[in-house]
Amino acid sequence: MSVTVIVGSQWGDEGKGKVVDILSERYDIVVRYQGGANAGHTVLVGDKQYILHLIPSGILRENVKCVIGNGVVIDPKALLDEINILENLGINIKGRLFISQNAHLIMPYHKLLDSISESGSSKIGTTGRGIGPCYIDKYARKGIKIVDLLDKSVLEEKIKLNIEEKNNLLRKVYNHEEINVNEIIKEYIEFDKAIDQYITDVPLFLNNAIEEGKSVLLEGAQGTLLDVDHGTYPFVTSSNPTSGGACTGSGIPPTKIDSVIGIVKAYTTRVGLGPFPTELTDKEGDKLREVGAEYGATTGRPRRCGWFDAFLVNYSRMINGIERAAITKLDVLSNLDEIKVCVAYEINGKKLKSYPTEVNQLLLVKPVYETLPSWKSDISKIKYYDDLPSEAKDYLTFISQQSGFEISMISVGPQRQQTIEL
């Protein structure tokens, strides 16, 4: 039995898609446990690029079964589009995709309210895909779940009650035109017909599989510092990308989790608004963005780039229980004159003992850097750790020691074969 959780250890975009794709070859089942279509996992296989938003990256391995857990919020159009794209690319979905009956549905009014909110004065840099408003309804106990699709009368009643409330809000607060109830009911009844074959009692399915000795890989979206409880609130997502979210988002108990692997980018990036102590706003930041192709897979937004933050990653290691890490995009740092690593934070000359997730404190911190030499050579074709330049190995050793984990995998390019395993 092997149940492993994969977590993003920074602000997301660490390269989880590629790592999950590689590791899933060794697992029977891959589970997505939180988030929505605001996430984008990019996988390169030969000359084909796959961008997955809801379906786990394991779908690209023909013997792997894939699960969308109850912690995920599902946009029907995004899901059906993704299924169609994969099938058109020759990827078999039938009998391999399982969707929790308790996953919540993103409704058209969620997207509308998200975009209206983000256009106001209190922006946080969301993707506008209705994720936050859907989670709001979930926790207000007004959400519509996959299981509600199975009973037309229940579905119609819930949609009507929700839209009546949302229309009042749109009309009286936002001075916006109202939503058509009947169109939405029709759309979601059609959606039920399309996904009925995938709906599953996911906790039962997964726990039975584990009892039978099947191996399970759980993947989250976004990253630790975007966790609604442990991240840089309010500039966070609306769910728990941390390892604890894997249990609540799938129905697998914590006693069955064997290990947690952190995905760690060799430098730091962030999308959207919020504090970023090691951000580079000069030519070096621009160079990292261009060489690393740091543009969002979902939105195309340019990512903010900065030096590796070991103080941040050490906090992430503690929160998630990370013992091993996969380092991604090491090749992007090639040919820099020097590389800086943040090893501590200071406020008014005093070093902090713990990571401050409070935004106002983070805006005051001054990163404390150690400077290391770059390797000034192309490492993208190297297949073995011993063949890496000594400066690259020193860099890896340094960030490993500063962050408190062992390194089990190193990515030196976007392709599957551009991976060094230790």
Protein backbone atom coordinates (compact mmCIF):
# COMPACT_ATOMS: atom_id res chain seq x y z
CA MET A 1 0.00 0.00 0.00
CA SER A 2 1.26 3.47 -0.87
CA VAL A 3 -0.71 6.68 -0.42
CA THR A 4 1.28 9.79 -1.28
CA VAL A 5 0.30 13.46 -1.26
CA ILE A 6 1.83 15.93 -3.71
CA VAL A 7 1.75 19.57 -2.58
CA GLY A 8 2.88 22.84 -4.07
CA SER A 9 5.37 24.28 -1.60
CA GLN A 10 5.31 27.94 -2.62
CA TRP A 11 2.63 30.13 -4.27
CA GLY A 12 1.62 27.57 -6.87
CA ASP A 13 2.93 27.07 -10.42
CA GLU A 14 5.76 24.90 -9.08
CA GLY A 15 5.44 22.31 -11.85
CA LYS A 16 3.13 19.82 -10.15
CA GLY A 17 1.65 18.71 -13.49
CA LYS A 18 4.93 17.33 -14.80
CA VAL A 19 5.88 15.65 -11.51
CA VAL A 20 2.47 14.04 -11.08
CA ASP A 21 2.63 12.84 -14.70
CA ILE A 22 6.00 11.17 -14.03
CA LEU A 23 5.07 9.67 -10.67
CA SER A 24 1.61 8.48 -11.77
CA GLU A 25 3.24 5.77 -13.87
CA ARG A 26 3.94 4.03 -10.53
CA TYR A 27 0.46 4.49 -9.05
CA ASP A 28 -2.92 2.91 -9.69
CA ILE A 29 -5.06 5.95 -8.88
CA VAL A 30 -4.46 9.71 -9.01
CA VAL A 31 -6.80 12.00 -7.08
CA ARG A 32 -7.35 15.76 -7.35
CA TYR A 33 -8.48 16.90 -3.90
CA GLN A 34 -9.22 20.67 -4.00
CA GLY A 35 -9.48 23.81 -6.10
CA GLY A 36 -11.19 24.27 -9.43
CA ALA A 37 -10.54 25.20 -13.03
CA ASN A 38 -8.51 28.21 -11.86
CA ALA A 39 -5.53 25.83 -11.73
CA GLY A 40 -3.61 24.73 -14.79
CA HIS A 41 -1.24 21.77 -14.87
CA THR A 42 0.91 21.70 -18.01
CA VAL A 43 2.42 18.42 -19.21
CA LEU A 44 4.65 17.96 -22.27
CA VAL A 45 4.73 14.50 -23.87
CA GLY A 46 6.95 14.52 -26.95
CA ASP A 47 5.73 17.37 -29.13
CA LYS A 48 2.26 17.44 -27.53
CA GLN A 49 1.34 19.84 -24.75
CA TYR A 50 -1.56 19.02 -22.43
CA ILE A 51 -3.03 21.67 -20.12
CA LEU A 52 -5.30 20.13 -17.49
CA HIS A 53 -7.53 22.19 -15.23
CA LEU A 54 -9.73 19.68 -13.40
CA ILE A 55 -8.78 16.16 -14.46
CA PRO A 56 -5.65 14.81 -12.70
CA SER A 57 -2.43 14.65 -14.73
CA GLY A 58 -2.44 10.86 -14.32
CA ILE A 59 -5.04 10.65 -17.11
CA LEU A 60 -2.14 10.70 -19.60
CA ARG A 61 -1.04 7.25 -18.33
CA GLU A 62 -3.43 4.71 -19.86
CA ASN A 63 -3.48 2.30 -16.90
CA VAL A 64 -4.16 4.95 -14.26
CA LYS A 65 -7.60 5.73 -12.88
CA CYS A 66 -8.31 9.36 -12.06
CA VAL A 67 -10.56 10.83 -9.40
CA ILE A 68 -12.00 14.31 -8.85
CA GLY A 69 -12.66 14.50 -5.12
CA ASN A 70 -15.34 16.24 -3.10
CA GLY A 71 -12.98 19.10 -2.24
CA VAL A 72 -12.94 20.24 -5.88
CA VAL A 73 -15.48 22.74 -7.22
CA ILE A 74 -16.50 21.82 -10.74
CA ASP A 75 -17.30 24.09 -13.64
CA PRO A 76 -19.46 21.91 -15.96
CA LYS A 77 -18.35 23.62 -19.17
CA ALA A 78 -14.66 23.46 -18.22
CA LEU A 79 -14.95 19.76 -17.33
CA LEU A 80 -16.79 18.78 -20.53
CA ASP A 81 -14.38 20.82 -22.65
CA GLU A 82 -11.44 19.07 -21.00
CA ILE A 83 -12.95 15.62 -21.54
CA ASN A 84 -13.61 16.44 -25.21
CA ILE A 85 -10.10 17.80 -25.76
CA LEU A 86 -8.49 14.71 -24.22
CA GLU A 87 -10.70 12.33 -26.19
CA ASN A 88 -9.91 14.19 -29.42
CA LEU A 89 -6.23 13.74 -28.62
CA GLY A 90 -6.76 10.00 -28.33
CA ILE A 91 -6.83 9.79 -24.52
CA ASN A 92 -9.36 7.23 -23.30
CA ILE A 93 -11.53 8.61 -20.45
CA LYS A 94 -14.31 6.02 -20.12
CA GLY A 95 -13.92 3.73 -17.13
CA ARG A 96 -10.96 5.79 -15.93
CA LEU A 97 -12.55 8.98 -14.59
CA PHE A 98 -14.49 9.07 -11.32
CA ILE A 99 -16.18 12.19 -9.92
CA SER A 100 -17.33 12.56 -6.32
CA GLN A 101 -21.05 12.89 -5.87
CA ASN A 102 -20.30 15.43 -3.13
CA ALA A 103 -18.25 17.83 -5.25
CA HIS A 104 -19.86 21.25 -5.54
CA LEU A 105 -20.85 22.83 -8.84
CA ILE A 106 -19.78 26.25 -10.04
CA MET A 107 -22.86 28.04 -11.33
CA PRO A 108 -23.02 30.92 -13.85
CA TYR A 109 -23.86 33.34 -11.04
CA HIS A 110 -20.64 32.38 -9.24
CA LYS A 111 -18.56 33.51 -12.22
CA LEU A 112 -20.60 36.69 -12.59
CA LEU A 113 -20.24 37.63 -8.92
CA ASP A 114 -16.52 36.82 -9.03
CA SER A 115 -15.90 39.14 -11.96
CA ILE A 116 -18.01 41.92 -10.43
CA SER A 117 -16.14 41.64 -7.11
CA GLU A 118 -12.73 41.61 -8.80
CA SER A 119 -13.58 44.75 -10.77
CA GLY A 120 -14.23 46.63 -7.52
CA SER A 121 -11.84 48.30 -5.08
CA SER A 122 -10.96 45.21 -2.99
CA LYS A 123 -9.12 43.15 -5.60
CA ILE A 124 -7.11 40.09 -4.63
CA GLY A 125 -6.13 38.96 -8.13
CA THR A 126 -8.48 36.01 -8.69
CA THR A 127 -8.92 34.30 -12.05
CA GLY A 128 -12.61 35.28 -12.15
CA ARG A 129 -13.72 31.68 -12.63
CA GLY A 130 -16.25 31.61 -9.79
CA ILE A 131 -14.12 29.55 -7.40
CA GLY A 132 -14.45 31.81 -4.35
CA PRO A 133 -18.21 32.44 -4.65
CA CYS A 134 -18.79 28.69 -5.09
CA TYR A 135 -16.88 27.91 -1.89
CA ILE A 136 -18.80 30.71 -0.15
CA ASP A 137 -22.09 29.00 -1.02
CA LYS A 138 -20.65 25.65 0.04
CA TYR A 139 -19.81 26.88 3.53
CA ALA A 140 -23.03 28.88 3.77
CA ARG A 141 -24.76 25.53 3.12
CA LYS A 142 -26.41 26.85 -0.03
CA GLY A 143 -24.25 25.01 -2.54
CA ILE A 144 -25.39 22.70 -5.31
CA LYS A 145 -23.59 19.37 -5.42
CA ILE A 146 -23.12 16.77 -8.13
CA VAL A 147 -25.56 14.50 -6.30
CA ASP A 148 -28.30 17.13 -6.69
CA LEU A 149 -28.19 16.55 -10.44
CA LEU A 150 -29.64 13.08 -9.90
CA ASP A 151 -33.02 14.43 -8.75
CA LYS A 152 -34.50 16.96 -11.16
CA SER A 153 -37.04 18.36 -8.67
CA VAL A 154 -34.38 18.90 -5.99
CA LEU A 155 -32.08 20.52 -8.54
CA GLU A 156 -34.75 22.90 -9.81
CA GLU A 157 -35.75 23.94 -6.28
CA LYS A 158 -32.16 24.61 -5.21
CA ILE A 159 -31.30 26.57 -8.35
CA LYS A 160 -34.45 28.70 -8.05
CA LEU A 161 -33.77 29.54 -4.40
CA ASN A 162 -30.15 30.42 -5.12
CA ILE A 163 -30.94 32.53 -8.18
CA GLU A 164 -33.69 34.41 -6.35
CA GLU A 165 -31.13 35.41 -3.74
CA LYS A 166 -28.43 36.23 -6.29
CA ASN A 167 -30.83 38.26 -8.45
CA ASN A 168 -31.72 40.42 -5.43
CA LEU A 169 -28.03 41.00 -4.87
CA LEU A 170 -27.35 41.76 -8.53
CA ARG A 171 -30.29 44.15 -8.81
CA LYS A 172 -30.12 45.98 -5.49
CA VAL A 173 -26.38 46.07 -4.80
CA TYR A 174 -24.66 45.88 -8.17
CA ASN A 175 -27.37 47.39 -10.39
CA HIS A 176 -26.89 44.47 -12.76
CA GLU A 177 -29.39 42.63 -14.93
CA GLU A 178 -30.89 39.46 -13.46
CA ILE A 179 -30.07 35.85 -14.34
CA ASN A 180 -32.44 33.63 -16.31
CA VAL A 181 -33.48 30.70 -14.09
CA ASN A 182 -34.86 28.39 -16.76
CA GLU A 183 -31.78 28.58 -18.97
CA ILE A 184 -29.52 27.50 -16.10
CA ILE A 185 -31.80 24.62 -15.07
CA LYS A 186 -31.81 23.34 -18.65
CA GLU A 187 -28.01 23.66 -18.93
CA TYR A 188 -27.35 21.67 -15.75
CA ILE A 189 -29.84 18.92 -16.58
CA GLU A 190 -27.93 18.43 -19.85
CA PHE A 191 -24.67 18.40 -17.90
CA ASP A 192 -26.02 15.59 -15.70
CA LYS A 193 -26.66 13.45 -18.78
CA ALA A 194 -23.07 13.97 -19.94
CA ILE A 195 -21.33 13.11 -16.65
CA ASP A 196 -23.70 10.58 -15.09
CA GLN A 197 -21.38 7.71 -16.05
CA TYR A 198 -18.54 9.22 -13.99
CA ILE A 199 -20.40 9.95 -10.72
CA THR A 200 -19.04 7.78 -7.90
CA ASP A 201 -19.05 7.35 -4.13
CA VAL A 202 -15.42 8.44 -4.02
CA PRO A 203 -14.57 7.78 -0.33
CA LEU A 204 -15.88 4.22 -0.68
CA PHE A 205 -14.07 3.72 -3.99
CA LEU A 206 -10.74 5.01 -2.66
CA ASN A 207 -10.79 3.26 0.71
CA ASN A 208 -11.76 -0.05 -0.89
CA ALA A 209 -8.92 0.38 -3.38
CA ILE A 210 -6.43 1.05 -0.58
CA GLU A 211 -7.64 -2.04 1.31
CA GLU A 212 -7.05 -4.05 -1.86
CA GLY A 213 -3.44 -2.84 -1.94
CA LYS A 214 -3.85 -0.24 -4.68
CA SER A 215 -1.49 2.75 -4.64
CA VAL A 216 -2.91 6.28 -4.59
CA LEU A 217 -1.34 9.63 -5.48
CA LEU A 218 -3.19 12.74 -4.30
CA GLU A 219 -2.54 16.06 -6.04
CA GLY A 220 -3.55 19.52 -4.98
CA ALA A 221 -3.84 22.69 -7.01
CA GLN A 222 -2.14 26.02 -6.20
CA GLY A 223 0.43 26.08 -3.38
CA THR A 224 0.86 26.20 0.39
CA LEU A 225 1.13 29.99 0.67
CA LEU A 226 -2.23 30.25 -1.11
CA ASP A 227 -3.95 28.05 1.48
CA VAL A 228 -6.97 29.83 2.96
CA ASP A 229 -5.85 28.97 6.51
CA HIS A 230 -2.05 28.88 6.28
CA GLY A 231 -1.32 31.24 3.39
CA THR A 232 -0.88 34.99 2.96
CA TYR A 233 -4.53 35.78 3.68
CA PRO A 234 -6.52 37.46 2.11
CA PHE A 235 -4.36 36.98 -1.01
CA VAL A 236 -5.11 33.27 -1.08
CA THR A 237 -7.36 30.73 -2.75
CA SER A 238 -10.62 29.57 -1.15
CA SER A 239 -9.59 26.04 -0.20
CA ASN A 240 -6.75 24.04 1.40
CA PRO A 241 -3.95 23.08 -1.03
CA THR A 242 -1.88 21.89 1.95
CA SER A 243 -1.53 18.19 2.73
CA GLY A 244 -4.32 18.35 5.34
CA GLY A 245 -6.74 19.21 2.55
CA ALA A 246 -5.97 15.88 0.88
CA CYS A 247 -7.92 14.01 3.54
CA THR A 248 -10.95 16.29 3.73
CA GLY A 249 -11.02 16.67 -0.05
CA SER A 250 -10.97 12.96 -0.84
CA GLY A 251 -12.37 10.97 2.10
CA ILE A 252 -9.07 9.16 2.77
CA PRO A 253 -8.23 9.24 6.50
CA PRO A 254 -4.85 10.67 7.63
CA THR A 255 -3.86 7.28 9.07
CA LYS A 256 -3.59 5.96 5.51
CA ILE A 257 -1.24 8.68 4.21
CA ASP A 258 2.31 7.31 3.90
CA SER A 259 4.27 10.30 2.62
CA VAL A 260 4.13 13.90 1.46
CA ILE A 261 6.24 15.12 -1.45
CA GLY A 262 6.73 18.85 -1.91
CA ILE A 263 7.08 20.36 -5.38
CA VAL A 264 9.57 23.22 -5.11
CA LYS A 265 10.55 25.59 -7.91
CA ALA A 266 14.26 26.48 -7.97
CA TYR A 267 13.27 30.14 -7.66
CA THR A 268 10.00 31.77 -6.54
CA THR A 269 6.98 32.97 -8.52
CA ARG A 270 3.60 34.37 -7.68
CA VAL A 271 0.50 35.19 -9.74
CA GLY A 272 -1.92 37.91 -8.74
CA LEU A 273 -1.68 40.36 -5.89
CA GLY A 274 -0.17 39.96 -2.45
CA PRO A 275 3.18 40.32 -0.67
CA PHE A 276 6.29 38.76 -2.23
CA PRO A 277 9.46 39.51 -0.19
CA THR A 278 12.01 38.13 -2.70
CA GLU A 279 10.36 39.56 -5.83
CA LEU A 280 12.66 40.92 -8.53
CA THR A 281 11.20 43.90 -10.36
CA ASP A 282 14.30 44.54 -12.47
CA LYS A 283 15.92 42.92 -15.53
CA GLU A 284 16.81 39.79 -13.56
CA GLY A 285 13.12 39.23 -12.80
CA ASP A 286 12.26 39.78 -16.45
CA LYS A 287 14.94 37.30 -17.48
CA LEU A 288 13.60 34.61 -15.12
CA ARG A 289 10.10 35.19 -16.52
CA GLU A 290 11.16 34.90 -20.15
CA VAL A 291 13.59 31.98 -19.77
CA GLY A 292 11.19 30.12 -17.47
CA ALA A 293 8.12 30.91 -19.63
CA GLU A 294 6.41 32.17 -16.50
CA TYR A 295 2.92 32.81 -17.81
CA GLY A 296 -0.21 31.27 -16.31
CA ALA A 297 -1.46 28.08 -17.98
CA THR A 298 -5.05 29.08 -17.20
CA THR A 299 -5.04 32.86 -17.69
CA GLY A 300 -1.82 33.63 -19.55
CA ARG A 301 -1.01 36.25 -16.91
CA PRO A 302 2.70 36.98 -16.44
CA ARG A 303 4.01 35.60 -13.16
CA ARG A 304 5.96 37.71 -10.73
CA CYS A 305 9.46 36.23 -10.28
CA GLY A 306 12.03 36.35 -7.51
CA TRP A 307 14.85 34.53 -5.74
CA PHE A 308 14.38 31.23 -3.92
CA ASP A 309 12.90 31.80 -0.47
CA ALA A 310 14.15 29.08 1.88
CA PHE A 311 12.49 30.76 4.88
CA LEU A 312 9.12 30.40 3.13
CA VAL A 313 9.76 26.82 1.98
CA ASN A 314 10.86 25.78 5.48
CA TYR A 315 7.50 27.02 6.77
CA SER A 316 5.78 25.04 4.01
CA ARG A 317 7.76 21.92 4.93
CA MET A 318 6.53 22.23 8.54
CA ILE A 319 2.86 22.80 7.63
CA ASN A 320 2.71 19.92 5.14
CA GLY A 321 5.07 17.39 6.73
CA ILE A 322 7.29 17.33 3.64
CA GLU A 323 10.17 14.87 3.86
CA ARG A 324 11.15 14.74 0.18
CA ALA A 325 11.01 17.37 -2.53
CA ALA A 326 11.07 17.56 -6.31
CA ILE A 327 13.03 20.60 -7.50
CA THR A 328 11.71 22.01 -10.77
CA LYS A 329 13.08 24.46 -13.34
CA LEU A 330 16.67 24.24 -12.16
CA ASP A 331 17.73 24.84 -15.77
CA VAL A 332 16.20 28.34 -15.73
CA LEU A 333 18.95 29.50 -13.35
CA SER A 334 21.72 28.52 -15.78
CA ASN A 335 23.88 31.37 -17.11
CA LEU A 336 23.01 33.86 -14.38
CA ASP A 337 26.04 35.66 -12.98
CA GLU A 338 25.06 34.77 -9.42
CA ILE A 339 22.08 33.35 -7.56
CA LYS A 340 20.65 34.61 -4.29
CA VAL A 341 18.79 32.55 -1.71
CA CYS A 342 16.70 34.10 1.06
CA VAL A 343 17.62 32.39 4.34
CA ALA A 344 15.81 34.64 6.83
CA TYR A 345 13.51 37.64 7.25
CA GLU A 346 14.27 40.78 9.23
CA ILE A 347 12.01 43.53 10.50
CA ASN A 348 13.82 46.61 11.83
CA GLY A 349 17.07 44.67 11.96
CA LYS A 350 15.66 41.76 14.02
CA LYS A 351 15.46 38.31 12.49
CA LEU A 352 12.05 36.63 12.67
CA LYS A 353 11.74 33.23 14.33
CA SER A 354 8.71 32.14 12.34
CA TYR A 355 7.09 32.85 8.99
CA PRO A 356 4.64 35.80 9.19
CA THR A 357 1.54 35.02 7.14
CA GLU A 358 0.00 38.33 8.27
CA VAL A 359 0.13 40.58 5.23
CA ASN A 360 1.10 43.84 6.94
CA GLN A 361 4.07 42.14 8.58
CA LEU A 362 5.15 40.56 5.30
CA LEU A 363 5.16 43.95 3.65
CA LEU A 364 7.71 45.12 6.25
CA VAL A 365 10.15 42.22 6.04
CA LYS A 366 13.60 42.52 4.55
CA PRO A 367 14.98 39.29 3.07
CA VAL A 368 18.39 38.15 4.28
CA TYR A 369 20.30 36.66 1.34
CA GLU A 370 23.17 34.29 0.79
CA THR A 371 24.80 34.55 -2.64
CA LEU A 372 25.95 31.51 -4.61
CA PRO A 373 27.74 31.24 -7.96
CA SER A 374 25.82 30.12 -11.04
CA TRP A 375 27.00 27.23 -13.24
CA LYS A 376 27.06 29.19 -16.50
CA SER A 377 26.24 26.15 -18.65
CA ASP A 378 23.30 24.30 -20.19
CA ILE A 379 22.09 21.46 -17.94
CA SER A 380 18.89 20.60 -19.85
CA LYS A 381 20.31 17.39 -21.36
CA ILE A 382 21.90 16.02 -18.17
CA LYS A 383 20.35 12.74 -17.00
CA TYR A 384 22.39 11.92 -13.88
CA TYR A 385 23.02 13.91 -10.72
CA ASP A 386 26.78 13.26 -10.78
CA ASP A 387 27.01 14.93 -14.18
CA LEU A 388 25.59 18.23 -12.95
CA PRO A 389 28.09 21.12 -12.60
CA SER A 390 29.52 21.40 -9.08
CA GLU A 391 27.87 24.82 -8.67
CA ALA A 392 24.43 23.33 -9.45
CA LYS A 393 24.99 20.54 -6.92
CA ASP A 394 26.13 23.09 -4.33
CA TYR A 395 22.99 25.12 -4.96
CA LEU A 396 20.77 22.08 -4.50
CA THR A 397 22.60 21.07 -1.31
CA PHE A 398 22.27 24.60 0.07
CA ILE A 399 18.53 25.00 -0.54
CA SER A 400 17.94 21.46 0.76
CA GLN A 401 19.74 22.21 4.01
CA GLN A 402 18.10 25.61 4.43
CA SER A 403 14.61 24.23 3.74
CA GLY A 404 14.90 21.05 5.78
CA PHE A 405 14.08 18.35 3.24
CA GLU A 406 15.78 15.74 1.08
CA ILE A 407 15.68 16.08 -2.71
CA SER A 408 14.33 13.07 -4.60
CA MET A 409 13.82 14.54 -8.07
CA ILE A 410 15.29 17.36 -10.16
CA SER A 411 13.64 18.76 -13.29
CA VAL A 412 15.97 20.34 -15.85
CA GLY A 413 13.39 20.97 -18.59
CA PRO A 414 9.69 20.58 -19.42
CA GLN A 415 9.86 17.12 -21.05
CA ARG A 416 9.37 13.84 -19.17
CA GLN A 417 12.92 12.71 -19.97
CA GLN A 418 14.40 15.96 -18.64
CA THR A 419 14.20 14.63 -15.11
CA ILE A 420 16.89 13.40 -12.73
CA GLU A 421 15.79 11.00 -10.00
CA LEU A 422 17.90 10.45 -6.88
